[in-house]
Amino acid sequence: MKAIKLKAWLVVILVAGIFFVSGWLINYPRRGGKTNTKASNSVTVLAEIQDSGSTNTNGWYLNIFTNGGGKLTFSDLKKLPGPMPANKEFSVNTFNASQLEKDLNSTNLSSSYNCGRSVSFGSIETLIYKGNAVVGIDCYIDDNTTPLANDFNTILSKAGVN
C-alpha cells in the first residue's frame, strides 16, 4: 500500500514538474505574443516587430501601442560580450499608430517574405499583428516603395534599431 502511495506522489510531482518547466520555457524569455491585447500598463498593443539578433547583435522586440507609445526590449539570449543595450519606453504619440494600423489593414501580408537573404549571417525580423506572425518582414521593410515599408522604417528609426 505504501509503495502505491509513493508511486502516486512521484507521478504527481513529475506531472507538476513538467507543467512548471513547459510554462517556463514558453514564457521565458518572452519572444512575442498576441497583439491587440492589454500591456502591463493597461495600454493596447497594436503590433510587435521582433528581431532575432545575429551572431554579433542582440535580438529585440518592439511593442507599438495604439496610443502611439511603445516599448523596446532587448534579449540577451546570445550572452554577447559587453554591456546589454538598455530597454526603452516611448511616450504617447512617438509613433504614428493610426497610420500604421491603416497601412497594415490595407496591405496583403503573406505569412512570410522570401528575399533570398542568408539566415546564417544576419537577423530575421518578424511582425506580429492581430495574433499572426509575418516572418521575414525585414525584406519587406527594405523595399521602401510602399506606405507600410515607410511606416516600418520611420518606427525603427525613432526606436533607434535600424
Foldseek 3Di string as FASTA:
>chain_A
DVVVVVVVVVVVVVVVVVVVVVVCVCPPPNDDFAAQDADPVGFGFAKKKWKPWALAGWIWMWTQTLQRKIKIDTDCPNVHPDDDDDIDIGDGNLAPNVLLNVQVVVDDQDQEDCPPDDPRGGIWMWMHGRNGIYTRCVVVLVVPPDSNVVSVVSVCVSNVND
